[in-house]
N, C-alpha and C. Protein backbone atom coordinates (compact mmCIF):
# COMPACT_ATOMS: atom_id res chain seq x y z
N UNK A 1 -13.41 -6.73 -0.07
CA UNK A 1 -13.02 -6.88 -1.48
C UNK A 1 -13.90 -6.19 -2.56
N UNK A 2 -15.19 -5.44 -2.13
CA UNK A 2 -16.12 -4.67 -2.79
C UNK A 2 -15.27 -2.97 -1.79
N UNK A 3 -14.48 -2.79 -1.32
CA UNK A 3 -14.45 -1.64 -1.06
C UNK A 3 -13.09 -1.32 -2.09
N UNK A 4 -12.00 -2.28 -1.85
CA UNK A 4 -11.16 -2.17 -2.67
C UNK A 4 -11.53 -1.89 -4.31
N UNK A 5 -12.23 -2.94 -4.81
CA UNK A 5 -13.12 -2.45 -5.82
C UNK A 5 -13.60 -0.79 -6.30
N UNK A 6 -14.32 -0.73 -5.36
CA UNK A 6 -14.64 0.64 -5.43
C UNK A 6 -13.22 2.06 -5.27
N UNK A 7 -12.62 1.54 -4.29
CA UNK A 7 -11.37 2.59 -4.35
C UNK A 7 -10.49 2.64 -6.45
N UNK A 8 -10.48 1.34 -6.04
CA UNK A 8 -9.95 1.66 -7.48
C UNK A 8 -10.59 2.06 -8.77
N UNK A 9 -11.81 1.80 -8.70
CA UNK A 9 -12.82 2.44 -9.82
C UNK A 9 -12.99 4.22 -9.70
N UNK A 10 -13.08 4.38 -8.53
CA UNK A 10 -12.64 5.83 -8.18
C UNK A 10 -11.75 6.80 -8.61
N UNK A 11 -10.75 6.15 -8.68
CA UNK A 11 -9.41 6.76 -8.28
C UNK A 11 -9.33 6.56 -10.19
N UNK A 12 -9.51 5.51 -10.71
CA UNK A 12 -9.46 5.10 -12.03
C UNK A 12 -10.35 6.57 -13.37
N UNK A 13 -11.58 6.89 -12.54
CA UNK A 13 -12.87 7.61 -12.89
C UNK A 13 -11.88 8.78 -13.02
N UNK A 14 -11.23 9.18 -12.29
CA UNK A 14 -10.91 10.47 -11.54
C UNK A 14 -9.42 10.89 -12.55
N UNK A 15 -9.55 9.66 -13.32
CA UNK A 15 -7.79 9.49 -14.38
C UNK A 15 -6.54 9.54 -13.66
N UNK A 16 -6.65 8.99 -12.56
CA UNK A 16 -5.59 8.33 -11.92
C UNK A 16 -5.06 7.48 -11.95
N UNK A 17 -3.71 6.77 -12.35
CA UNK A 17 -2.97 5.54 -12.65
C UNK A 17 -3.10 4.83 -11.49
N UNK A 18 -3.43 3.64 -11.57
CA UNK A 18 -3.59 2.43 -10.32
C UNK A 18 -2.00 1.46 -10.67
N UNK A 19 -1.44 0.98 -9.67
CA UNK A 19 -1.09 -0.29 -9.76
C UNK A 19 -1.27 -1.24 -8.26
N UNK A 20 -1.10 -2.20 -8.86
CA UNK A 20 -1.96 -2.93 -7.57
C UNK A 20 -0.63 -4.21 -7.69
N UNK A 21 -0.72 -4.49 -6.27
CA UNK A 21 0.65 -5.23 -5.64
C UNK A 21 1.50 -5.34 -6.93
N UNK A 22 2.30 -3.77 -6.78
CA UNK A 22 3.09 -3.89 -7.32
C UNK A 22 4.71 -2.90 -6.94
N UNK A 23 5.61 -3.95 -6.38
CA UNK A 23 6.56 -3.86 -5.39
C UNK A 23 7.31 -2.66 -5.81
N UNK A 24 7.65 -1.96 -4.58
CA UNK A 24 8.24 -0.42 -5.17
C UNK A 24 9.59 -0.72 -3.99
N UNK A 25 10.13 0.12 -4.30
CA UNK A 25 11.74 0.48 -3.77
C UNK A 25 11.76 0.08 -2.60
N UNK A 26 10.96 0.67 -1.69
CA UNK A 26 10.58 0.43 -0.06
C UNK A 26 10.96 -1.01 0.88
N UNK A 27 10.66 -1.73 -0.27
CA UNK A 27 11.46 -3.11 0.44
C UNK A 27 9.62 -3.83 0.51
N UNK A 28 9.97 -4.85 0.91
CA UNK A 28 8.42 -5.71 1.00
C UNK A 28 7.85 -5.95 2.17
N UNK A 29 8.62 -5.38 3.19
CA UNK A 29 7.64 -5.36 4.45
C UNK A 29 7.22 -4.00 4.66
N UNK A 30 5.80 -3.80 5.09
CA UNK A 30 4.92 -2.65 4.84
C UNK A 30 3.88 -2.86 5.75
N UNK A 31 3.83 -1.59 6.39
CA UNK A 31 2.96 -1.62 7.79
C UNK A 31 1.45 -1.81 7.46
N UNK A 32 0.90 -2.00 6.41
CA UNK A 32 -0.45 -2.58 6.21
C UNK A 32 -0.04 -3.93 5.96
N UNK A 33 1.20 -4.92 5.61
CA UNK A 33 1.28 -6.14 5.31
C UNK A 33 1.61 -6.85 6.72
N UNK A 34 2.58 -6.42 7.95
CA UNK A 34 2.69 -6.71 9.04
C UNK A 34 1.12 -6.73 9.84
N UNK A 35 0.24 -5.38 9.76
CA UNK A 35 -0.86 -5.26 10.87
C UNK A 35 -1.53 -6.51 9.86
N UNK A 36 -1.90 -6.77 8.29
CA UNK A 36 -2.61 -8.24 7.56
C UNK A 36 -1.89 -9.18 8.22
N UNK A 37 -1.25 -9.03 8.51
CA UNK A 37 -0.11 -10.70 8.59
C UNK A 37 -0.89 -11.17 10.55
N UNK A 38 0.03 -10.17 11.16
CA UNK A 38 -0.27 -10.36 12.64
C UNK A 38 -1.54 -10.10 13.09
N UNK A 39 -2.37 -9.32 12.55
CA UNK A 39 -4.08 -9.46 12.90
C UNK A 39 -4.98 -10.19 12.51
N UNK A 40 -4.60 -10.65 11.30
CA UNK A 40 -4.97 -11.73 10.67
C UNK A 40 -6.55 -10.67 9.86
N UNK A 41 -6.12 -9.66 9.23
CA UNK A 41 -7.30 -8.65 8.87
C UNK A 41 -7.21 -8.45 7.39
N UNK A 42 -7.70 -7.77 7.03
CA UNK A 42 -7.85 -7.54 5.43
C UNK A 42 -7.21 -5.85 5.16
N UNK A 43 -6.21 -5.49 4.70
CA UNK A 43 -5.83 -3.88 4.90
C UNK A 43 -5.28 -3.50 3.18
N UNK A 44 -5.35 -2.17 3.42
CA UNK A 44 -4.99 -1.58 1.89
C UNK A 44 -3.93 -0.98 2.19
N UNK A 45 -2.96 -0.64 1.75
CA UNK A 45 -1.70 0.11 1.55
C UNK A 45 -2.13 1.00 0.37
N UNK A 46 -2.42 2.43 0.51
CA UNK A 46 -2.09 3.66 -0.24
C UNK A 46 -1.47 4.40 -0.42
N UNK A 47 -0.62 4.11 -1.54
CA UNK A 47 0.70 5.15 -2.20
C UNK A 47 0.29 6.36 -3.14
N UNK A 48 1.04 7.65 -2.29
CA UNK A 48 0.23 8.68 -3.17
C UNK A 48 1.76 9.40 -3.72
N UNK A 49 1.77 9.67 -4.83
CA UNK A 49 3.13 10.06 -5.34
C UNK A 49 3.16 11.55 -4.77
N UNK A 50 4.62 11.72 -4.76
CA UNK A 50 4.69 12.71 -4.00
C UNK A 50 4.67 14.48 -4.92
N UNK A 51 4.14 13.94 -5.47
CA UNK A 51 4.24 15.25 -6.93
C UNK A 51 2.70 15.35 -6.44
N UNK A 52 1.50 15.23 -6.12
CA UNK A 52 0.80 15.34 -5.76
C UNK A 52 0.74 16.01 -4.32
N UNK A 53 1.54 16.17 -3.74
CA UNK A 53 1.47 16.64 -2.51
C UNK A 53 2.46 17.76 -2.58
N UNK A 54 3.38 17.95 -2.88
CA UNK A 54 4.39 19.01 -2.85
C UNK A 54 4.83 19.71 -3.73
N UNK A 55 3.90 19.96 -4.81
CA UNK A 55 4.06 20.84 -5.56
C UNK A 55 2.74 21.32 -5.83
N UNK A 56 2.66 22.45 -6.36
CA UNK A 56 1.60 23.60 -5.82
C UNK A 56 0.82 23.32 -7.37
N UNK A 57 1.80 23.12 -8.20
CA UNK A 57 1.33 22.82 -9.54
C UNK A 57 0.07 21.45 -9.83
N UNK A 58 0.39 20.61 -8.70
CA UNK A 58 -0.42 19.51 -8.79
C UNK A 58 -1.84 19.55 -7.97
N UNK A 59 -1.60 20.68 -6.88
CA UNK A 59 -2.63 20.84 -6.22
C UNK A 59 -4.07 20.71 -6.28
N UNK A 60 -4.57 20.78 -7.90
CA UNK A 60 -6.15 20.69 -8.18
C UNK A 60 -6.25 18.77 -7.79
N UNK A 61 -4.92 18.25 -8.26
CA UNK A 61 -5.18 16.48 -8.13
C UNK A 61 -5.11 16.09 -6.61
N UNK A 62 -4.32 17.02 -6.12
CA UNK A 62 -4.46 16.53 -4.46
C UNK A 62 -5.73 16.56 -3.78
N UNK A 63 -6.69 17.94 -4.20
CA UNK A 63 -8.16 18.08 -3.74
C UNK A 63 -8.83 16.99 -4.43
N UNK A 64 -9.08 16.43 -5.68
CA UNK A 64 -9.01 14.83 -5.99
C UNK A 64 -8.90 13.86 -5.14
N UNK A 65 -7.98 13.86 -4.89
CA UNK A 65 -7.30 12.52 -3.95
C UNK A 65 -8.00 12.69 -3.12
N UNK A 66 -8.15 13.74 -2.23
CA UNK A 66 -8.62 14.05 -0.82
C UNK A 66 -10.27 14.31 -1.13
N UNK A 67 -10.72 14.29 -2.05
CA UNK A 67 -12.56 14.26 -2.38
C UNK A 67 -12.76 12.52 -2.37
N UNK A 68 -12.28 11.99 -3.03
CA UNK A 68 -12.20 10.28 -3.51
C UNK A 68 -12.27 9.53 -2.13
N UNK A 69 -10.57 10.30 -1.08
CA UNK A 69 -11.05 9.18 -0.05
C UNK A 69 -12.20 9.75 0.73
N UNK A 70 -12.52 11.08 0.66
CA UNK A 70 -13.64 11.45 1.72
C UNK A 70 -14.85 10.40 1.52
N UNK A 71 -15.22 10.59 -0.23
CA UNK A 71 -16.10 9.76 -0.41
C UNK A 71 -16.16 8.35 -0.35
N UNK A 72 -15.15 7.82 -0.09
CA UNK A 72 -15.11 6.24 0.52
C UNK A 72 -15.14 6.10 1.65
N UNK A 73 -14.73 6.96 2.69
CA UNK A 73 -15.06 7.01 4.24
C UNK A 73 -17.02 7.36 4.46
N UNK A 74 -17.37 7.99 3.25
CA UNK A 74 -18.50 8.30 3.59
C UNK A 74 -19.23 7.08 3.02
N UNK A 75 -18.86 6.24 2.24
CA UNK A 75 -19.38 5.11 1.87
C UNK A 75 -19.24 3.96 2.95
N UNK A 76 -18.13 4.05 3.67
CA UNK A 76 -17.79 2.84 4.38
C UNK A 76 -18.89 3.90 5.60
N UNK A 77 -19.12 4.13 6.12
CA UNK A 77 -19.80 4.83 7.17
C UNK A 77 -21.04 4.30 6.91
N UNK A 78 -21.89 4.07 5.62
CA UNK A 78 -23.38 4.14 5.51
C UNK A 78 -23.59 2.25 5.60
N UNK A 79 -22.47 1.42 5.11
CA UNK A 79 -22.40 0.35 5.03
C UNK A 79 -22.44 -0.51 6.00
């Protein structure tokens, strides 16, 4: 749960909008949900708005996202 809080804080600090447990049009069954249920482990599913991936205008935001995720992986490696 600490990892979730850190992720949420890092994205918010960088100006990204965050939604938690907000269902989307894709349906209720997700890979993360199935893995959590089948393997009895805690999972996180991260959805990134396609505008950050598909539009050069938002390239700086994609770099921020990558930097945030890289920082989180480094934090996890040390923990």
